[in-house]
Amino acid sequence: MEKHHQFIQSRLDQAASSNKLRTLKTTSPHKVDFFSNDYLGYSTKGLLNQPTPQTSSPQWTGATGSRLISGNHPEIELLEQDFADFMDSPAALLYNSGYMANVGLLSALGDKESCFVFDEHVHASIKEGMRLGFGQKIAFKHNDLLDLERKLKLQAEKGKRILVLTEGLFSMHGDIPDIKEMLALCQKYQAALIIDEAHSLGTLGQDKKGISASSYGHPNLFARVITFGKAAGGHGAMVLGSSKLRDFLINFSRAFIYTTAPSIDQVNSIKAALDLFKNKYNFHQLDQAIQTYLDMVKELPGNFSRNPSPIQYWQCADIPRLKEKVKLLHQSGINCYAILSPTVKPGEERIRLVLHAFNTKKEIQELICLLNK
């Protein structure tokens, strides 16, 4: 066993020596939140704490098994259809997390005749799903349509079944792709577009349903991954697409087949968030917070981002200085954290700044002043 412990210790020592050792921390609820993904405040402000509605099976608490055995329930299927209707999608399939949704979708779709053409900054869960899918994997430069077309042309000439992968809102950069141009390229080269709308649901697009919402009827928009751990304030995810895709995943997505079904608490949390989305609750307040930030950083140095989204950052490749800034923010009662490589490329280290519907003008001003010292 000694060799195994030595291996573990050497990896920990290596991370510590390069200032990249991660540790779990318990955050104070009394500090100002500029770091959580609870963009609309549904979780932080207790907006999902609704009385538990009656179900057709009052005894339903634990799932008891996977949905293909004993864990399926009419309430889950009703939620899937309600959410699919809300998102203008023919069908939806619920997964226990966004990570599992991406892994389950892409590992099922990939085979030796397929090729994943993906934005270099996509989430780790997308990369893991591609790795398990056995398809060829080719990255294109971040949000670079010319590079994407070069890669698509080459793969189309080889006769590959092409799946293009991107995100609606990139979680570490706060920027968005040109979805209409990407769909045009996909149509030109007979590729299927899969977009992870994890961070854009509730923050961007038509009725804040994500940046692909206005393109829901496009023939090359193959699938959308929607997660409930960000603006929805809960947990879980859905894959939106055709009824045929839903049937395919039920039969071939291992992350769905071999996972215990969600509980009634998870289903009710998503239902409560869906009701808030339908009423556009806190949408205007979030837009106001974003505009307040953009107005305040307009004349400041370029290390402040200027994104049309709630995800901003203050960039600094000097890691000791970066950590000192985080320490200063914490001492001033502000919750923020540093993003280091490999989460971002070396030289692109930053403090991720997340704006929320509940952040006040005074709080945003204090945050910016402390970073600009």
Protein backbone atom coordinates (compact mmCIF):
# COMPACT_ATOMS: atom_id res chain seq x y z
CA MET A 1 0.00 0.00 0.00
CA GLU A 2 2.93 2.32 0.54
CA LYS A 3 3.39 2.93 -3.20
CA HIS A 4 -0.20 4.11 -3.50
CA HIS A 5 0.17 6.54 -0.60
CA GLN A 6 3.42 7.84 -2.08
CA PHE A 7 1.68 8.44 -5.40
CA ILE A 8 -1.12 10.40 -3.71
CA GLN A 9 1.29 12.47 -1.61
CA SER A 10 3.48 13.32 -4.59
CA ARG A 11 0.50 14.64 -6.54
CA LEU A 12 -0.65 16.73 -3.57
CA ASP A 13 2.86 18.11 -3.07
CA GLN A 14 3.08 18.98 -6.75
CA ALA A 15 -0.22 20.90 -6.62
CA ALA A 16 0.81 22.73 -3.44
CA SER A 17 4.19 23.76 -4.84
CA SER A 18 2.54 25.38 -7.86
CA ASN A 19 -0.13 27.21 -5.81
CA LYS A 20 -2.88 24.98 -7.26
CA LEU A 21 -3.88 22.89 -4.26
CA ARG A 22 -7.65 22.95 -3.80
CA THR A 23 -9.32 22.69 -0.40
CA LEU A 24 -12.94 22.63 0.71
CA LYS A 25 -14.12 25.74 2.52
CA THR A 26 -17.30 26.57 4.37
CA THR A 27 -18.45 30.02 3.33
CA SER A 28 -20.16 32.53 5.57
CA PRO A 29 -23.77 33.37 4.64
CA HIS A 30 -23.22 36.81 6.15
CA LYS A 31 -20.74 37.85 3.45
CA VAL A 32 -21.79 39.48 0.18
CA ASP A 33 -22.20 36.82 -2.52
CA PHE A 34 -20.26 37.53 -5.71
CA PHE A 35 -19.31 33.92 -6.38
CA SER A 36 -22.30 31.53 -6.43
CA ASN A 37 -24.22 30.52 -9.56
CA ASP A 38 -27.53 31.47 -7.91
CA TYR A 39 -27.96 34.30 -10.42
CA LEU A 40 -31.64 35.01 -9.68
CA GLY A 41 -31.49 34.36 -5.94
CA TYR A 42 -33.98 31.48 -6.04
CA SER A 43 -31.89 29.40 -3.64
CA THR A 44 -30.20 32.08 -1.53
CA LYS A 45 -33.44 33.92 -0.86
CA GLY A 46 -35.47 30.79 -0.13
CA LEU A 47 -37.77 31.18 -3.13
CA LEU A 48 -37.88 27.42 -3.75
CA ASN A 49 -39.10 26.63 -0.22
CA GLN A 50 -42.68 25.99 -1.30
CA PRO A 51 -45.18 23.78 0.53
CA THR A 52 -44.78 20.23 -0.78
CA PRO A 53 -47.63 19.61 -3.23
CA GLN A 54 -49.70 16.47 -3.04
CA THR A 55 -48.72 13.79 -5.53
CA SER A 56 -50.62 10.81 -6.82
CA SER A 57 -48.44 8.68 -4.52
CA PRO A 58 -48.11 10.41 -1.12
CA GLN A 59 -45.70 7.72 0.10
CA TRP A 60 -43.17 8.57 -2.61
CA THR A 61 -40.01 9.82 -0.87
CA GLY A 62 -36.99 7.82 -1.99
CA ALA A 63 -36.69 6.80 -5.61
CA THR A 64 -36.17 3.06 -4.79
CA GLY A 65 -34.24 2.36 -8.00
CA SER A 66 -33.45 3.48 -11.52
CA ARG A 67 -36.27 4.76 -13.69
CA LEU A 68 -36.13 1.66 -15.87
CA ILE A 69 -36.87 -0.57 -12.87
CA SER A 70 -38.81 0.86 -9.91
CA GLY A 71 -37.86 4.56 -9.85
CA ASN A 72 -40.04 6.03 -12.57
CA HIS A 73 -43.03 8.11 -11.47
CA PRO A 74 -45.83 10.02 -13.23
CA GLU A 75 -44.67 13.23 -11.51
CA ILE A 76 -41.26 12.96 -13.21
CA GLU A 77 -42.79 12.45 -16.63
CA LEU A 78 -45.21 15.34 -16.08
CA LEU A 79 -42.30 17.61 -15.11
CA GLU A 80 -40.33 16.57 -18.21
CA GLN A 81 -43.26 17.39 -20.49
CA ASP A 82 -44.04 20.67 -18.70
CA PHE A 83 -40.43 21.80 -19.01
CA ALA A 84 -40.20 20.66 -22.65
CA ASP A 85 -43.34 22.71 -23.43
CA PHE A 86 -41.91 25.74 -21.63
CA MET A 87 -38.69 25.47 -23.64
CA ASP A 88 -40.51 24.82 -26.97
CA SER A 89 -38.97 21.37 -27.26
CA PRO A 90 -40.69 18.16 -28.39
CA ALA A 91 -39.31 16.18 -25.46
CA ALA A 92 -37.02 16.24 -22.41
CA LEU A 93 -35.25 13.69 -20.24
CA LEU A 94 -34.29 14.39 -16.62
CA TYR A 95 -30.81 13.55 -15.30
CA ASN A 96 -29.57 13.87 -11.73
CA SER A 97 -26.96 16.53 -12.60
CA GLY A 98 -25.58 18.55 -15.47
CA TYR A 99 -22.38 16.54 -15.39
CA MET A 100 -24.33 13.31 -15.81
CA ALA A 101 -26.46 14.79 -18.59
CA ASN A 102 -23.42 15.72 -20.68
CA VAL A 103 -21.65 12.44 -20.00
CA GLY A 104 -24.80 10.43 -20.65
CA LEU A 105 -25.68 12.25 -23.87
CA LEU A 106 -22.26 12.36 -25.52
CA SER A 107 -21.05 8.90 -24.50
CA ALA A 108 -24.19 7.46 -26.09
CA LEU A 109 -23.91 9.47 -29.32
CA GLY A 110 -20.22 8.92 -30.00
CA ASP A 111 -18.94 5.98 -32.05
CA LYS A 112 -16.08 5.33 -34.48
CA GLU A 113 -17.98 6.97 -37.34
CA SER A 114 -18.59 10.20 -35.43
CA CYS A 115 -16.55 13.31 -34.83
CA PHE A 116 -16.98 15.79 -31.99
CA VAL A 117 -15.95 19.32 -33.02
CA PHE A 118 -15.91 21.32 -29.81
CA ASP A 119 -15.07 24.78 -28.52
CA GLU A 120 -11.76 24.56 -26.67
CA HIS A 121 -13.33 26.09 -23.54
CA VAL A 122 -16.23 23.67 -23.06
CA HIS A 123 -16.90 22.24 -19.60
CA ALA A 124 -15.04 19.21 -18.23
CA SER A 125 -18.26 17.16 -18.31
CA ILE A 126 -18.48 17.64 -22.09
CA LYS A 127 -14.89 16.52 -22.51
CA GLU A 128 -15.52 13.49 -20.31
CA GLY A 129 -18.62 12.57 -22.32
CA MET A 130 -16.66 12.79 -25.57
CA ARG A 131 -13.87 10.66 -24.13
CA LEU A 132 -16.33 7.92 -23.27
CA GLY A 133 -18.04 8.16 -26.64
CA PHE A 134 -15.26 6.71 -28.82
CA GLY A 135 -15.69 9.38 -31.49
CA GLN A 136 -12.90 11.50 -32.93
CA LYS A 137 -12.38 14.74 -30.98
CA ILE A 138 -11.29 18.01 -32.59
CA ALA A 139 -11.19 21.37 -30.80
CA PHE A 140 -11.78 24.70 -32.50
CA LYS A 141 -10.51 28.02 -31.17
CA HIS A 142 -12.81 29.66 -28.64
CA ASN A 143 -15.80 31.30 -30.40
CA ASP A 144 -13.82 31.36 -33.66
CA LEU A 145 -16.22 30.73 -36.55
CA LEU A 146 -13.48 30.66 -39.20
CA ASP A 147 -11.62 27.92 -37.34
CA LEU A 148 -14.87 26.04 -36.77
CA GLU A 149 -15.63 26.09 -40.50
CA ARG A 150 -12.15 24.84 -41.37
CA LYS A 151 -12.63 21.87 -39.03
CA LEU A 152 -16.16 21.17 -40.28
CA LYS A 153 -15.12 21.24 -43.94
CA LEU A 154 -12.32 18.76 -43.33
CA GLN A 155 -14.53 16.32 -41.41
CA ALA A 156 -17.41 16.63 -43.88
CA GLU A 157 -15.04 15.67 -46.71
CA LYS A 158 -14.20 12.51 -44.73
CA GLY A 159 -17.88 11.62 -44.48
CA LYS A 160 -17.94 11.78 -40.69
CA ARG A 161 -21.12 12.15 -38.63
CA ILE A 162 -20.34 15.52 -37.04
CA LEU A 163 -21.53 16.87 -33.69
CA VAL A 164 -20.61 20.46 -32.84
CA LEU A 165 -20.40 21.27 -29.13
CA THR A 166 -20.51 24.66 -27.44
CA GLU A 167 -22.00 26.47 -24.43
CA GLY A 168 -24.62 29.19 -24.23
CA LEU A 169 -22.63 31.11 -21.63
CA PHE A 170 -19.06 30.14 -20.81
CA SER A 171 -18.72 29.76 -17.07
CA MET A 172 -15.18 31.11 -16.63
CA HIS A 173 -15.13 33.73 -19.39
CA GLY A 174 -18.70 35.02 -19.29
CA ASP A 175 -18.92 35.33 -23.09
CA ILE A 176 -21.35 33.78 -25.58
CA PRO A 177 -21.08 32.22 -29.07
CA ASP A 178 -22.77 33.46 -32.23
CA ILE A 179 -25.41 30.75 -32.24
CA LYS A 180 -27.11 31.80 -35.50
CA GLU A 181 -23.84 31.66 -37.46
CA MET A 182 -22.92 28.34 -35.86
CA LEU A 183 -26.27 26.87 -36.91
CA ALA A 184 -25.74 28.17 -40.46
CA LEU A 185 -22.36 26.40 -40.57
CA CYS A 186 -23.88 23.24 -39.16
CA GLN A 187 -26.54 23.31 -41.85
CA LYS A 188 -23.92 23.87 -44.55
CA TYR A 189 -21.84 20.88 -43.43
CA GLN A 190 -24.71 18.64 -42.22
CA ALA A 191 -23.57 18.78 -38.60
CA ALA A 192 -25.66 18.55 -35.45
CA LEU A 193 -25.31 21.33 -32.85
CA ILE A 194 -25.43 20.45 -29.16
CA ILE A 195 -25.42 23.41 -26.80
CA ASP A 196 -24.97 23.37 -23.04
CA GLU A 197 -27.21 26.13 -21.70
CA ALA A 198 -26.29 25.49 -18.04
CA HIS A 199 -25.34 29.10 -17.25
CA SER A 200 -27.59 30.85 -19.80
CA LEU A 201 -30.92 29.48 -18.54
CA GLY A 202 -32.44 32.30 -16.50
CA THR A 203 -29.82 34.82 -17.61
CA LEU A 204 -29.78 35.21 -21.42
CA GLY A 205 -31.80 34.77 -24.58
CA GLN A 206 -35.48 35.00 -25.44
CA ASP A 207 -37.41 35.12 -22.14
CA LYS A 208 -34.08 34.08 -20.57
CA LYS A 209 -34.50 30.51 -21.82
CA GLY A 210 -30.91 30.41 -23.11
CA ILE A 211 -29.28 31.82 -26.22
CA SER A 212 -30.65 29.06 -28.47
CA ALA A 213 -34.29 29.68 -27.44
CA SER A 214 -35.11 31.78 -30.51
CA SER A 215 -33.63 29.05 -32.75
CA TYR A 216 -35.54 26.12 -31.21
CA GLY A 217 -37.08 25.08 -34.55
CA HIS A 218 -33.80 25.00 -36.49
CA PRO A 219 -33.25 21.55 -38.08
CA ASN A 220 -29.60 21.44 -36.98
CA LEU A 221 -30.23 22.30 -33.32
CA PHE A 222 -29.99 18.69 -32.23
CA ALA A 223 -29.95 18.92 -28.43
CA ARG A 224 -29.87 21.40 -25.56
CA VAL A 225 -28.58 20.57 -22.09
CA ILE A 226 -30.35 22.56 -19.40
CA THR A 227 -29.24 22.36 -15.78
CA PHE A 228 -31.04 23.36 -12.59
CA GLY A 229 -28.02 23.95 -10.35
CA LYS A 230 -27.42 27.53 -11.50
CA ALA A 231 -30.19 30.11 -12.00
CA ALA A 232 -32.86 27.56 -11.05
CA GLY A 233 -31.26 27.27 -7.61
CA GLY A 234 -31.65 23.51 -7.30
CA HIS A 235 -30.17 20.33 -8.71
CA GLY A 236 -30.51 18.15 -11.81
CA ALA A 237 -30.56 18.67 -15.57
CA MET A 238 -32.58 17.92 -18.66
CA VAL A 239 -31.61 17.05 -22.20
CA LEU A 240 -34.00 18.69 -24.67
CA GLY A 241 -34.51 17.32 -28.15
CA SER A 242 -36.73 15.13 -30.28
CA SER A 243 -38.87 12.29 -28.94
CA LYS A 244 -36.60 9.94 -30.85
CA LEU A 245 -33.54 11.31 -29.02
CA ARG A 246 -35.33 10.80 -25.69
CA ASP A 247 -36.09 7.17 -26.59
CA PHE A 248 -32.48 6.69 -27.69
CA LEU A 249 -31.10 7.99 -24.39
CA ILE A 250 -33.47 5.85 -22.33
CA ASN A 251 -32.03 2.85 -24.16
CA PHE A 252 -28.36 3.74 -24.58
CA SER A 253 -27.34 6.43 -22.06
CA ARG A 254 -25.54 4.58 -19.30
CA ALA A 255 -25.60 7.62 -16.99
CA PHE A 256 -29.40 7.46 -17.15
CA ILE A 257 -29.89 3.68 -17.18
CA TYR A 258 -27.69 2.88 -14.18
CA THR A 259 -28.59 5.81 -11.91
CA THR A 260 -31.15 5.95 -9.12
CA ALA A 261 -34.10 8.13 -10.11
CA PRO A 262 -34.54 11.62 -8.60
CA SER A 263 -36.49 12.05 -5.38
CA ILE A 264 -39.74 13.95 -4.91
CA ASP A 265 -37.78 16.79 -3.27
CA GLN A 266 -35.67 17.27 -6.40
CA VAL A 267 -38.72 17.15 -8.66
CA ASN A 268 -40.61 19.68 -6.51
CA SER A 269 -37.60 22.02 -6.46
CA ILE A 270 -37.49 22.04 -10.28
CA LYS A 271 -41.26 22.59 -10.42
CA ALA A 272 -40.95 25.61 -8.12
CA ALA A 273 -38.14 27.07 -10.25
CA LEU A 274 -40.19 26.52 -13.41
CA ASP A 275 -43.06 28.52 -11.91
CA LEU A 276 -40.64 31.36 -11.08
CA PHE A 277 -39.20 31.28 -14.62
CA LYS A 278 -42.69 31.47 -16.10
CA ASN A 279 -43.34 34.59 -14.02
CA LYS A 280 -39.92 36.05 -14.95
CA TYR A 281 -39.19 36.48 -11.28
CA ASN A 282 -36.10 38.67 -10.62
CA PHE A 283 -35.22 38.87 -14.33
CA HIS A 284 -35.28 42.69 -14.35
CA GLN A 285 -33.23 42.92 -11.13
CA LEU A 286 -30.49 40.74 -12.63
CA ASP A 287 -30.38 42.88 -15.78
CA GLN A 288 -30.05 45.98 -13.59
CA ALA A 289 -27.11 44.50 -11.65
CA ILE A 290 -25.29 43.64 -14.87
CA GLN A 291 -25.82 47.14 -16.28
CA THR A 292 -24.68 48.73 -13.01
CA TYR A 293 -21.41 46.77 -13.17
CA LEU A 294 -20.83 47.62 -16.85
CA ASP A 295 -21.40 51.32 -16.21
CA MET A 296 -18.91 51.30 -13.33
CA VAL A 297 -16.06 49.52 -15.15
CA LYS A 298 -16.45 51.42 -18.43
CA GLU A 299 -13.44 53.68 -17.80
CA LEU A 300 -11.35 51.23 -15.75
CA PRO A 301 -8.32 49.11 -16.84
CA GLY A 302 -8.77 46.19 -19.21
CA ASN A 303 -8.31 43.51 -16.58
CA PHE A 304 -12.01 44.00 -15.75
CA SER A 305 -14.26 42.01 -18.09
CA ARG A 306 -17.17 43.66 -19.87
CA ASN A 307 -19.53 40.78 -20.68
CA PRO A 308 -23.26 41.02 -21.47
CA SER A 309 -23.89 38.41 -18.78
CA PRO A 310 -23.79 37.94 -15.00
CA ILE A 311 -20.38 36.26 -15.25
CA GLN A 312 -17.52 38.79 -15.09
CA TYR A 313 -13.90 38.59 -13.93
CA TRP A 314 -10.86 40.52 -12.82
CA GLN A 315 -7.82 39.02 -14.55
CA CYS A 316 -4.35 38.78 -13.02
CA ALA A 317 -1.66 36.26 -13.95
CA ASP A 318 0.36 37.11 -10.82
CA ILE A 319 -0.95 34.29 -8.59
CA PRO A 320 0.35 35.60 -5.23
CA ARG A 321 -1.21 39.01 -6.00
CA LEU A 322 -4.40 37.31 -7.11
CA LYS A 323 -4.64 35.42 -3.83
CA GLU A 324 -3.94 38.58 -1.86
CA LYS A 325 -6.87 40.25 -3.62
CA VAL A 326 -9.13 37.33 -2.73
CA LYS A 327 -7.97 37.60 0.88
CA LEU A 328 -8.70 41.35 0.86
CA LEU A 329 -12.20 40.74 -0.48
CA HIS A 330 -12.90 38.10 2.16
CA GLN A 331 -11.67 40.42 4.91
CA SER A 332 -14.03 43.08 3.55
CA GLY A 333 -16.99 40.71 3.76
CA ILE A 334 -17.15 39.67 0.10
CA ASN A 335 -17.25 36.07 -1.12
CA CYS A 336 -15.16 35.61 -4.29
CA TYR A 337 -12.62 33.05 -5.38
CA ALA A 338 -9.61 32.73 -7.67
CA ILE A 339 -9.67 30.64 -10.86
CA LEU A 340 -6.31 29.06 -11.62
CA SER A 341 -4.98 26.81 -14.37
CA PRO A 342 -5.84 24.20 -15.49
CA THR A 343 -9.40 25.52 -15.12
CA VAL A 344 -8.22 28.44 -17.26
CA LYS A 345 -5.09 28.64 -19.42
CA PRO A 346 -1.82 29.69 -17.73
CA GLY A 347 -1.62 33.47 -17.89
CA GLU A 348 -5.42 33.81 -17.78
CA GLU A 349 -5.82 33.38 -14.01
CA ARG A 350 -8.57 35.52 -12.58
CA ILE A 351 -11.08 36.25 -9.86
CA ARG A 352 -14.48 35.16 -11.09
CA LEU A 353 -17.14 37.76 -10.33
CA VAL A 354 -20.76 36.62 -10.40
CA LEU A 355 -23.52 39.20 -10.37
CA HIS A 356 -26.93 38.43 -8.91
CA ALA A 357 -30.40 39.90 -8.86
CA PHE A 358 -29.93 40.62 -5.15
CA ASN A 359 -26.58 42.46 -5.37
CA THR A 360 -27.02 46.15 -4.59
CA LYS A 361 -25.38 49.08 -6.35
CA LYS A 362 -23.37 49.80 -3.18
CA GLU A 363 -22.09 46.20 -3.02
CA ILE A 364 -21.04 46.23 -6.68
CA GLN A 365 -19.28 49.56 -6.21
CA GLU A 366 -17.36 48.28 -3.18
CA LEU A 367 -16.30 45.14 -5.06
CA ILE A 368 -14.94 47.18 -7.99
CA CYS A 369 -13.16 49.69 -5.74
CA LEU A 370 -11.36 46.95 -3.79
CA LEU A 371 -10.18 45.27 -6.99
CA ASN A 372 -9.07 48.55 -8.54
CA LYS A 373 -6.89 49.59 -5.55
